[in-house]
N, C-alpha and C. Protein backbone atom coordinates (compact mmCIF):
# COMPACT_ATOMS: atom_id res chain seq x y z
N MET A 1 -35.00 -39.63 -48.51
CA MET A 1 -35.13 -38.22 -48.21
C MET A 1 -33.75 -37.56 -48.21
N ILE A 2 -33.76 -36.25 -48.34
CA ILE A 2 -32.52 -35.47 -48.38
C ILE A 2 -32.11 -35.08 -46.97
N CYS A 3 -30.85 -35.29 -46.63
CA CYS A 3 -30.30 -34.91 -45.34
C CYS A 3 -30.17 -33.39 -45.27
N PRO A 4 -30.67 -32.74 -44.21
CA PRO A 4 -30.55 -31.29 -44.10
C PRO A 4 -29.12 -30.83 -43.79
N HIS A 5 -28.26 -31.77 -43.40
CA HIS A 5 -26.88 -31.42 -43.06
C HIS A 5 -25.94 -31.56 -44.26
N CYS A 6 -25.93 -32.75 -44.90
CA CYS A 6 -24.97 -32.98 -46.00
C CYS A 6 -25.62 -32.96 -47.38
N ARG A 7 -26.94 -32.86 -47.44
CA ARG A 7 -27.73 -32.78 -48.67
C ARG A 7 -27.72 -34.07 -49.50
N ALA A 8 -27.21 -35.17 -48.94
CA ALA A 8 -27.23 -36.46 -49.63
C ALA A 8 -28.64 -37.06 -49.53
N HIS A 9 -28.96 -37.93 -50.46
CA HIS A 9 -30.26 -38.62 -50.45
C HIS A 9 -30.15 -39.87 -49.59
N SER A 10 -29.77 -39.70 -48.34
CA SER A 10 -29.53 -40.87 -47.49
C SER A 10 -30.15 -40.72 -46.09
N LEU A 11 -31.21 -39.93 -45.97
CA LEU A 11 -31.85 -39.72 -44.69
C LEU A 11 -32.91 -40.80 -44.47
N LYS A 12 -32.70 -41.61 -43.45
CA LYS A 12 -33.63 -42.67 -43.09
C LYS A 12 -34.55 -42.11 -42.00
N VAL A 13 -35.86 -42.23 -42.19
CA VAL A 13 -36.83 -41.71 -41.23
C VAL A 13 -37.68 -42.87 -40.70
N SER A 14 -37.76 -42.98 -39.39
CA SER A 14 -38.60 -43.98 -38.74
C SER A 14 -39.63 -43.25 -37.89
N HIS A 15 -40.87 -43.75 -37.92
CA HIS A 15 -41.96 -43.14 -37.15
C HIS A 15 -42.50 -44.16 -36.16
N TYR A 16 -42.85 -43.68 -34.97
CA TYR A 16 -43.41 -44.54 -33.94
C TYR A 16 -44.55 -43.82 -33.25
N VAL A 17 -45.51 -44.58 -32.75
CA VAL A 17 -46.53 -44.05 -31.86
C VAL A 17 -46.30 -44.72 -30.52
N PHE A 18 -46.16 -43.89 -29.48
CA PHE A 18 -45.82 -44.39 -28.15
C PHE A 18 -46.88 -43.92 -27.16
N ASP A 19 -47.45 -44.86 -26.41
CA ASP A 19 -48.39 -44.50 -25.34
C ASP A 19 -47.58 -44.27 -24.08
N SER A 20 -47.41 -43.01 -23.73
CA SER A 20 -46.55 -42.66 -22.60
C SER A 20 -47.21 -42.89 -21.25
N GLY A 21 -48.50 -43.19 -21.24
CA GLY A 21 -49.20 -43.39 -19.98
C GLY A 21 -49.64 -42.07 -19.37
N LYS A 22 -48.74 -41.13 -19.23
CA LYS A 22 -49.07 -39.84 -18.62
C LYS A 22 -49.68 -38.86 -19.62
N THR A 23 -49.17 -38.88 -20.85
CA THR A 23 -49.57 -37.87 -21.81
C THR A 23 -50.36 -38.44 -22.97
N GLY A 24 -50.70 -39.70 -22.90
CA GLY A 24 -51.40 -40.31 -24.02
C GLY A 24 -50.43 -40.63 -25.14
N ASN A 25 -50.95 -40.73 -26.33
CA ASN A 25 -50.12 -41.13 -27.46
C ASN A 25 -49.22 -39.99 -27.95
N LEU A 26 -47.97 -40.35 -28.17
CA LEU A 26 -46.98 -39.42 -28.73
C LEU A 26 -46.50 -39.97 -30.07
N TRP A 27 -46.31 -39.09 -31.03
CA TRP A 27 -45.72 -39.47 -32.31
C TRP A 27 -44.23 -39.14 -32.21
N ILE A 28 -43.39 -40.13 -32.49
CA ILE A 28 -41.95 -39.94 -32.41
C ILE A 28 -41.36 -40.21 -33.79
N ALA A 29 -40.58 -39.28 -34.28
CA ALA A 29 -39.88 -39.45 -35.56
C ALA A 29 -38.39 -39.43 -35.27
N VAL A 30 -37.69 -40.41 -35.81
CA VAL A 30 -36.24 -40.50 -35.67
C VAL A 30 -35.66 -40.42 -37.07
N MET A 31 -34.77 -39.44 -37.29
CA MET A 31 -34.14 -39.26 -38.59
C MET A 31 -32.64 -39.48 -38.45
N GLU A 32 -32.08 -40.26 -39.37
CA GLU A 32 -30.66 -40.55 -39.33
C GLU A 32 -30.11 -40.62 -40.75
N CYS A 33 -29.02 -39.91 -40.99
CA CYS A 33 -28.37 -39.91 -42.30
C CYS A 33 -27.33 -41.02 -42.32
N THR A 34 -27.46 -41.93 -43.27
CA THR A 34 -26.50 -43.02 -43.39
C THR A 34 -25.20 -42.55 -44.04
N SER A 35 -25.18 -41.33 -44.54
CA SER A 35 -23.98 -40.79 -45.17
C SER A 35 -23.10 -40.03 -44.18
N CYS A 36 -23.67 -39.04 -43.47
CA CYS A 36 -22.85 -38.18 -42.59
C CYS A 36 -23.06 -38.45 -41.11
N GLY A 37 -24.09 -39.24 -40.74
CA GLY A 37 -24.34 -39.53 -39.34
C GLY A 37 -25.25 -38.55 -38.63
N TYR A 38 -25.76 -37.54 -39.34
CA TYR A 38 -26.70 -36.58 -38.76
C TYR A 38 -27.86 -37.34 -38.12
N ARG A 39 -28.29 -36.90 -36.91
CA ARG A 39 -29.43 -37.53 -36.22
C ARG A 39 -30.33 -36.44 -35.67
N SER A 40 -31.62 -36.72 -35.71
CA SER A 40 -32.61 -35.80 -35.15
C SER A 40 -33.79 -36.61 -34.66
N ARG A 41 -34.41 -36.12 -33.59
CA ARG A 41 -35.61 -36.75 -33.05
C ARG A 41 -36.66 -35.68 -32.80
N GLU A 42 -37.90 -36.02 -33.08
CA GLU A 42 -39.00 -35.12 -32.79
C GLU A 42 -40.08 -35.90 -32.04
N VAL A 43 -40.68 -35.25 -31.06
CA VAL A 43 -41.77 -35.84 -30.29
C VAL A 43 -42.95 -34.87 -30.39
N MET A 44 -44.07 -35.38 -30.88
CA MET A 44 -45.26 -34.55 -31.03
C MET A 44 -46.46 -35.27 -30.40
N PRO A 45 -47.30 -34.54 -29.70
CA PRO A 45 -48.48 -35.16 -29.09
C PRO A 45 -49.54 -35.46 -30.14
N LEU A 46 -50.30 -36.51 -29.89
CA LEU A 46 -51.42 -36.85 -30.76
C LEU A 46 -52.76 -36.53 -30.10
N GLU A 47 -52.73 -36.04 -28.86
CA GLU A 47 -53.94 -35.67 -28.15
C GLU A 47 -53.62 -34.57 -27.13
N TRP A 48 -54.66 -33.94 -26.59
CA TRP A 48 -54.50 -32.89 -25.60
C TRP A 48 -55.18 -33.30 -24.31
N LEU A 49 -54.67 -32.80 -23.17
CA LEU A 49 -55.25 -33.06 -21.86
C LEU A 49 -55.64 -31.73 -21.23
N GLU A 50 -55.93 -31.72 -19.93
CA GLU A 50 -56.29 -30.48 -19.23
C GLU A 50 -55.06 -29.56 -19.12
N PRO A 51 -55.21 -28.28 -19.47
CA PRO A 51 -54.10 -27.33 -19.33
C PRO A 51 -53.61 -27.28 -17.88
N LYS A 52 -52.29 -27.15 -17.69
CA LYS A 52 -51.75 -27.15 -16.32
C LYS A 52 -50.42 -26.42 -16.24
N VAL A 53 -50.06 -26.11 -15.00
CA VAL A 53 -48.76 -25.54 -14.68
C VAL A 53 -48.07 -26.50 -13.72
N LEU A 54 -46.85 -26.87 -14.04
CA LEU A 54 -46.04 -27.77 -13.22
C LEU A 54 -44.90 -26.97 -12.62
N GLU A 55 -44.55 -27.28 -11.37
CA GLU A 55 -43.43 -26.58 -10.73
C GLU A 55 -42.66 -27.54 -9.84
N LEU A 56 -41.34 -27.49 -9.98
CA LEU A 56 -40.46 -28.29 -9.14
C LEU A 56 -39.35 -27.40 -8.60
N GLU A 57 -39.16 -27.44 -7.30
CA GLU A 57 -38.00 -26.76 -6.72
C GLU A 57 -36.83 -27.74 -6.80
N VAL A 58 -35.81 -27.36 -7.56
CA VAL A 58 -34.62 -28.19 -7.72
C VAL A 58 -33.68 -27.82 -6.58
N ARG A 59 -33.47 -28.80 -5.69
CA ARG A 59 -32.72 -28.52 -4.45
C ARG A 59 -31.28 -28.99 -4.48
N GLY A 60 -30.94 -29.89 -5.39
CA GLY A 60 -29.58 -30.41 -5.40
C GLY A 60 -29.36 -31.39 -6.54
N GLU A 61 -28.23 -32.09 -6.48
CA GLU A 61 -27.81 -32.98 -7.56
C GLU A 61 -28.84 -34.05 -7.89
N GLU A 62 -29.50 -34.63 -6.90
CA GLU A 62 -30.47 -35.69 -7.16
C GLU A 62 -31.62 -35.20 -8.05
N ASP A 63 -32.05 -33.97 -7.83
CA ASP A 63 -33.14 -33.40 -8.63
C ASP A 63 -32.73 -33.15 -10.08
N LEU A 64 -31.44 -33.05 -10.34
CA LEU A 64 -30.97 -32.83 -11.71
C LEU A 64 -31.25 -34.04 -12.60
N ARG A 65 -31.46 -35.22 -12.00
CA ARG A 65 -31.73 -36.44 -12.76
C ARG A 65 -33.22 -36.70 -12.97
N VAL A 66 -34.08 -35.80 -12.51
CA VAL A 66 -35.53 -35.96 -12.67
C VAL A 66 -35.88 -35.86 -14.17
N ILE A 67 -36.73 -36.80 -14.62
CA ILE A 67 -37.17 -36.82 -16.01
C ILE A 67 -38.22 -35.73 -16.23
N VAL A 68 -38.09 -35.03 -17.36
CA VAL A 68 -38.99 -33.94 -17.72
C VAL A 68 -39.46 -34.14 -19.16
N HIS A 69 -40.76 -34.00 -19.38
CA HIS A 69 -41.28 -33.92 -20.74
C HIS A 69 -41.90 -32.55 -20.90
N ARG A 70 -41.35 -31.78 -21.85
CA ARG A 70 -41.93 -30.47 -22.19
C ARG A 70 -42.59 -30.63 -23.55
N SER A 71 -43.89 -30.43 -23.60
CA SER A 71 -44.62 -30.56 -24.86
C SER A 71 -44.22 -29.43 -25.80
N PRO A 72 -44.51 -29.56 -27.09
CA PRO A 72 -44.16 -28.49 -28.03
C PRO A 72 -44.96 -27.21 -27.82
N HIS A 73 -45.96 -27.25 -26.95
CA HIS A 73 -46.81 -26.08 -26.71
C HIS A 73 -46.47 -25.35 -25.42
N ALA A 74 -45.53 -25.87 -24.65
CA ALA A 74 -45.30 -25.39 -23.29
C ALA A 74 -44.23 -24.31 -23.18
N CYS A 75 -44.48 -23.37 -22.26
CA CYS A 75 -43.49 -22.37 -21.86
C CYS A 75 -42.67 -22.97 -20.72
N LEU A 76 -41.40 -22.69 -20.70
CA LEU A 76 -40.51 -23.18 -19.64
C LEU A 76 -39.86 -21.99 -18.98
N GLU A 77 -39.83 -21.98 -17.64
CA GLU A 77 -39.21 -20.88 -16.90
C GLU A 77 -38.28 -21.42 -15.82
N LEU A 78 -37.16 -20.76 -15.66
CA LEU A 78 -36.21 -20.98 -14.57
C LEU A 78 -35.99 -19.59 -13.96
N PRO A 79 -36.94 -19.11 -13.17
CA PRO A 79 -36.92 -17.70 -12.75
C PRO A 79 -35.66 -17.28 -12.01
N GLU A 80 -35.14 -18.13 -11.12
CA GLU A 80 -33.94 -17.76 -10.36
C GLU A 80 -32.70 -17.66 -11.25
N LEU A 81 -32.77 -18.27 -12.44
CA LEU A 81 -31.64 -18.22 -13.38
C LEU A 81 -31.88 -17.19 -14.48
N GLY A 82 -33.03 -16.52 -14.42
CA GLY A 82 -33.35 -15.49 -15.42
C GLY A 82 -33.63 -16.06 -16.80
N ILE A 83 -34.19 -17.27 -16.87
CA ILE A 83 -34.40 -17.94 -18.14
C ILE A 83 -35.88 -18.19 -18.37
N SER A 84 -36.33 -17.86 -19.58
CA SER A 84 -37.70 -18.12 -19.99
C SER A 84 -37.65 -18.56 -21.45
N VAL A 85 -38.33 -19.68 -21.75
CA VAL A 85 -38.33 -20.22 -23.11
C VAL A 85 -39.77 -20.39 -23.55
N GLU A 86 -40.12 -19.74 -24.65
CA GLU A 86 -41.46 -19.87 -25.21
C GLU A 86 -41.37 -20.65 -26.51
N PRO A 87 -42.37 -21.50 -26.76
CA PRO A 87 -42.32 -22.30 -27.99
C PRO A 87 -42.54 -21.45 -29.22
N GLY A 88 -41.86 -21.81 -30.29
CA GLY A 88 -42.05 -21.14 -31.57
C GLY A 88 -42.83 -22.03 -32.51
N PRO A 89 -43.03 -21.57 -33.74
CA PRO A 89 -43.82 -22.34 -34.70
C PRO A 89 -43.20 -23.70 -35.06
N ALA A 90 -41.90 -23.83 -34.93
CA ALA A 90 -41.24 -25.10 -35.25
C ALA A 90 -40.88 -25.89 -34.00
N SER A 91 -41.44 -25.50 -32.86
CA SER A 91 -41.11 -26.16 -31.60
C SER A 91 -41.59 -27.61 -31.61
N HIS A 92 -40.80 -28.47 -30.99
CA HIS A 92 -41.20 -29.86 -30.83
C HIS A 92 -40.98 -30.26 -29.39
N GLY A 93 -41.64 -31.32 -28.98
CA GLY A 93 -41.53 -31.79 -27.60
C GLY A 93 -40.17 -32.40 -27.33
N VAL A 94 -39.84 -32.47 -26.05
CA VAL A 94 -38.56 -33.05 -25.66
C VAL A 94 -38.75 -33.83 -24.37
N ILE A 95 -38.12 -34.99 -24.30
CA ILE A 95 -38.04 -35.76 -23.07
C ILE A 95 -36.58 -35.75 -22.66
N THR A 96 -36.29 -35.24 -21.48
CA THR A 96 -34.91 -35.08 -21.02
C THR A 96 -34.90 -35.13 -19.49
N THR A 97 -33.85 -34.60 -18.91
CA THR A 97 -33.75 -34.45 -17.46
C THR A 97 -33.63 -32.96 -17.14
N VAL A 98 -33.72 -32.62 -15.88
CA VAL A 98 -33.51 -31.22 -15.48
C VAL A 98 -32.11 -30.80 -15.92
N GLU A 99 -31.12 -31.66 -15.71
CA GLU A 99 -29.75 -31.36 -16.14
C GLU A 99 -29.69 -31.16 -17.65
N GLY A 100 -30.43 -31.97 -18.42
CA GLY A 100 -30.46 -31.82 -19.87
C GLY A 100 -31.00 -30.47 -20.30
N ILE A 101 -31.99 -29.97 -19.56
CA ILE A 101 -32.52 -28.63 -19.86
C ILE A 101 -31.43 -27.58 -19.64
N LEU A 102 -30.70 -27.69 -18.53
CA LEU A 102 -29.62 -26.73 -18.25
C LEU A 102 -28.51 -26.83 -19.29
N GLU A 103 -28.18 -28.03 -19.72
CA GLU A 103 -27.16 -28.21 -20.77
C GLU A 103 -27.60 -27.52 -22.05
N GLU A 104 -28.86 -27.68 -22.40
CA GLU A 104 -29.38 -27.04 -23.62
C GLU A 104 -29.33 -25.52 -23.49
N VAL A 105 -29.65 -24.99 -22.32
CA VAL A 105 -29.57 -23.54 -22.10
C VAL A 105 -28.14 -23.06 -22.34
N ILE A 106 -27.17 -23.77 -21.78
CA ILE A 106 -25.77 -23.39 -21.96
C ILE A 106 -25.36 -23.48 -23.43
N ASP A 107 -25.73 -24.58 -24.10
CA ASP A 107 -25.37 -24.75 -25.52
C ASP A 107 -25.92 -23.62 -26.37
N VAL A 108 -27.19 -23.29 -26.17
CA VAL A 108 -27.82 -22.24 -26.98
C VAL A 108 -27.22 -20.88 -26.64
N ALA A 109 -27.04 -20.60 -25.35
CA ALA A 109 -26.49 -19.30 -24.95
C ALA A 109 -25.07 -19.11 -25.47
N GLU A 110 -24.25 -20.15 -25.41
CA GLU A 110 -22.87 -20.04 -25.91
C GLU A 110 -22.84 -19.81 -27.41
N GLN A 111 -23.83 -20.36 -28.11
CA GLN A 111 -23.87 -20.21 -29.56
C GLN A 111 -24.41 -18.86 -30.00
N TRP A 112 -25.40 -18.32 -29.26
CA TRP A 112 -26.12 -17.14 -29.73
C TRP A 112 -25.94 -15.89 -28.88
N CYS A 113 -25.32 -16.00 -27.73
CA CYS A 113 -25.26 -14.86 -26.83
C CYS A 113 -23.82 -14.60 -26.41
N GLU A 114 -23.14 -13.79 -27.19
CA GLU A 114 -21.75 -13.48 -26.89
C GLU A 114 -21.67 -12.68 -25.58
N GLY A 115 -20.83 -13.13 -24.67
CA GLY A 115 -20.64 -12.44 -23.42
C GLY A 115 -21.68 -12.74 -22.35
N CYS A 116 -22.55 -13.74 -22.58
CA CYS A 116 -23.55 -14.10 -21.57
C CYS A 116 -22.86 -14.65 -20.33
N ASP A 117 -23.35 -14.26 -19.17
CA ASP A 117 -22.83 -14.78 -17.91
C ASP A 117 -23.61 -16.04 -17.55
N LEU A 118 -23.00 -17.19 -17.70
CA LEU A 118 -23.65 -18.47 -17.46
C LEU A 118 -23.22 -19.12 -16.15
N GLU A 119 -22.55 -18.36 -15.30
CA GLU A 119 -22.04 -18.94 -14.05
C GLU A 119 -23.16 -19.46 -13.15
N ARG A 120 -24.28 -18.75 -13.06
CA ARG A 120 -25.40 -19.23 -12.25
C ARG A 120 -25.96 -20.55 -12.79
N VAL A 121 -26.04 -20.68 -14.10
CA VAL A 121 -26.53 -21.93 -14.70
C VAL A 121 -25.54 -23.06 -14.42
N ARG A 122 -24.25 -22.78 -14.53
CA ARG A 122 -23.23 -23.81 -14.24
C ARG A 122 -23.27 -24.23 -12.77
N ARG A 123 -23.47 -23.27 -11.86
CA ARG A 123 -23.61 -23.60 -10.44
C ARG A 123 -24.84 -24.47 -10.21
N ALA A 124 -25.94 -24.15 -10.90
CA ALA A 124 -27.16 -24.95 -10.78
C ALA A 124 -26.91 -26.37 -11.30
N MET A 125 -26.14 -26.51 -12.37
CA MET A 125 -25.82 -27.84 -12.92
C MET A 125 -24.98 -28.67 -11.97
N ARG A 126 -24.22 -28.02 -11.12
CA ARG A 126 -23.40 -28.73 -10.12
C ARG A 126 -24.19 -29.00 -8.83
N GLY A 127 -25.43 -28.56 -8.79
CA GLY A 127 -26.26 -28.77 -7.61
C GLY A 127 -25.97 -27.79 -6.50
N GLU A 128 -25.30 -26.69 -6.81
CA GLU A 128 -24.90 -25.71 -5.81
C GLU A 128 -25.92 -24.58 -5.62
N LEU A 129 -26.92 -24.53 -6.47
CA LEU A 129 -27.87 -23.42 -6.45
C LEU A 129 -29.28 -23.96 -6.59
N LYS A 130 -30.16 -23.60 -5.66
CA LYS A 130 -31.56 -24.00 -5.75
C LYS A 130 -32.26 -23.11 -6.77
N PHE A 131 -33.19 -23.70 -7.51
CA PHE A 131 -33.97 -22.93 -8.48
C PHE A 131 -35.28 -23.67 -8.75
N ARG A 132 -36.23 -22.94 -9.33
CA ARG A 132 -37.50 -23.55 -9.70
C ARG A 132 -37.55 -23.81 -11.20
N LEU A 133 -38.12 -24.96 -11.55
CA LEU A 133 -38.42 -25.31 -12.93
C LEU A 133 -39.93 -25.22 -13.06
N ILE A 134 -40.41 -24.33 -13.93
CA ILE A 134 -41.85 -24.14 -14.11
C ILE A 134 -42.18 -24.39 -15.58
N ILE A 135 -43.20 -25.21 -15.80
CA ILE A 135 -43.69 -25.49 -17.16
C ILE A 135 -45.16 -25.11 -17.21
N ARG A 136 -45.51 -24.18 -18.10
CA ARG A 136 -46.90 -23.77 -18.31
C ARG A 136 -47.35 -24.37 -19.64
N ASP A 137 -48.30 -25.31 -19.57
CA ASP A 137 -48.64 -26.08 -20.77
C ASP A 137 -50.14 -26.06 -21.07
N PRO A 138 -50.56 -25.34 -22.12
CA PRO A 138 -51.97 -25.32 -22.48
C PRO A 138 -52.47 -26.67 -22.99
N SER A 139 -51.56 -27.52 -23.45
CA SER A 139 -51.97 -28.85 -23.93
C SER A 139 -52.10 -29.86 -22.80
N GLY A 140 -51.51 -29.56 -21.64
CA GLY A 140 -51.57 -30.47 -20.50
C GLY A 140 -50.73 -31.71 -20.64
N LEU A 141 -49.86 -31.77 -21.64
CA LEU A 141 -49.11 -32.99 -21.94
C LEU A 141 -47.76 -33.08 -21.24
N SER A 142 -47.25 -31.99 -20.75
CA SER A 142 -45.94 -31.99 -20.09
C SER A 142 -46.02 -32.68 -18.74
N PHE A 143 -44.88 -33.19 -18.29
CA PHE A 143 -44.80 -33.74 -16.94
C PHE A 143 -43.39 -33.62 -16.40
N ILE A 144 -43.30 -33.62 -15.07
CA ILE A 144 -42.03 -33.64 -14.34
C ILE A 144 -42.13 -34.83 -13.39
N GLU A 145 -41.26 -35.82 -13.56
CA GLU A 145 -41.34 -37.08 -12.81
C GLU A 145 -40.74 -36.96 -11.41
N SER A 146 -41.43 -36.24 -10.54
CA SER A 146 -40.99 -36.12 -9.15
C SER A 146 -42.23 -36.02 -8.26
N GLU A 147 -42.18 -36.68 -7.12
CA GLU A 147 -43.29 -36.60 -6.17
C GLU A 147 -43.46 -35.18 -5.64
N ARG A 148 -42.42 -34.38 -5.71
CA ARG A 148 -42.48 -33.00 -5.21
C ARG A 148 -42.99 -32.00 -6.25
N THR A 149 -43.34 -32.47 -7.43
CA THR A 149 -43.86 -31.57 -8.45
C THR A 149 -45.25 -31.10 -8.06
N SER A 150 -45.44 -29.79 -8.03
CA SER A 150 -46.78 -29.26 -7.77
C SER A 150 -47.47 -29.03 -9.12
N VAL A 151 -48.78 -29.26 -9.14
CA VAL A 151 -49.58 -29.08 -10.34
C VAL A 151 -50.73 -28.15 -9.98
N ARG A 152 -50.93 -27.13 -10.81
CA ARG A 152 -52.04 -26.20 -10.58
C ARG A 152 -52.67 -25.85 -11.93
N PRO A 153 -53.83 -25.23 -11.91
CA PRO A 153 -54.49 -24.87 -13.18
C PRO A 153 -53.63 -23.94 -14.03
N PHE A 154 -53.79 -24.06 -15.31
CA PHE A 154 -53.05 -23.26 -16.29
C PHE A 154 -53.38 -21.78 -16.14
N GLU A 155 -52.32 -20.94 -16.11
CA GLU A 155 -52.48 -19.49 -15.95
C GLU A 155 -52.25 -18.74 -17.26
N GLY A 156 -51.72 -19.44 -18.26
CA GLY A 156 -51.47 -18.82 -19.54
C GLY A 156 -50.03 -18.35 -19.71
N CYS A 157 -49.64 -18.22 -20.94
CA CYS A 157 -48.36 -17.62 -21.33
C CYS A 157 -48.54 -17.09 -22.73
N ASP A 158 -47.54 -16.46 -23.26
CA ASP A 158 -47.68 -15.76 -24.53
C ASP A 158 -47.57 -16.68 -25.74
N ILE A 159 -48.47 -17.68 -25.82
CA ILE A 159 -48.51 -18.54 -26.99
C ILE A 159 -49.96 -18.77 -27.36
N GLN A 160 -50.16 -19.23 -28.56
CA GLN A 160 -51.51 -19.58 -29.00
C GLN A 160 -51.62 -21.09 -28.96
N ALA A 161 -52.58 -21.59 -28.21
CA ALA A 161 -52.77 -23.05 -28.09
C ALA A 161 -53.54 -23.58 -29.26
């Protein structure tokens, strides 16, 4: 396959099916260019569960290490930080940590938002600011690995399931 970064015919693609236990089977694709080192991963669900809304109050540094899976269909909100992310047509699932979500917010904002004030996000990354992580998922596949995660029925967001 052709590498989207260097355009060489050296993109190696590996596919896996993983039973996550919580979300059922996930399709995972790992792409790596043997020429330039480009790497990409995609996680896509192979089944749907009951729609749900997940919420975690992030209280400090320990909560930043909580594992999060956001399905490709899920809306993500950090209301106290003024952040809302809706999935687009090319959206794919991600397995990360709460800290990883904040890192991604900073990376994207620095790249696309000149003059954005990211101090609140940086304070949250240091565990200095409490905030809520909310995931609204019509597919029901997302999860937040914390005993303090509340789960309630899906209320909807501006996406088509």
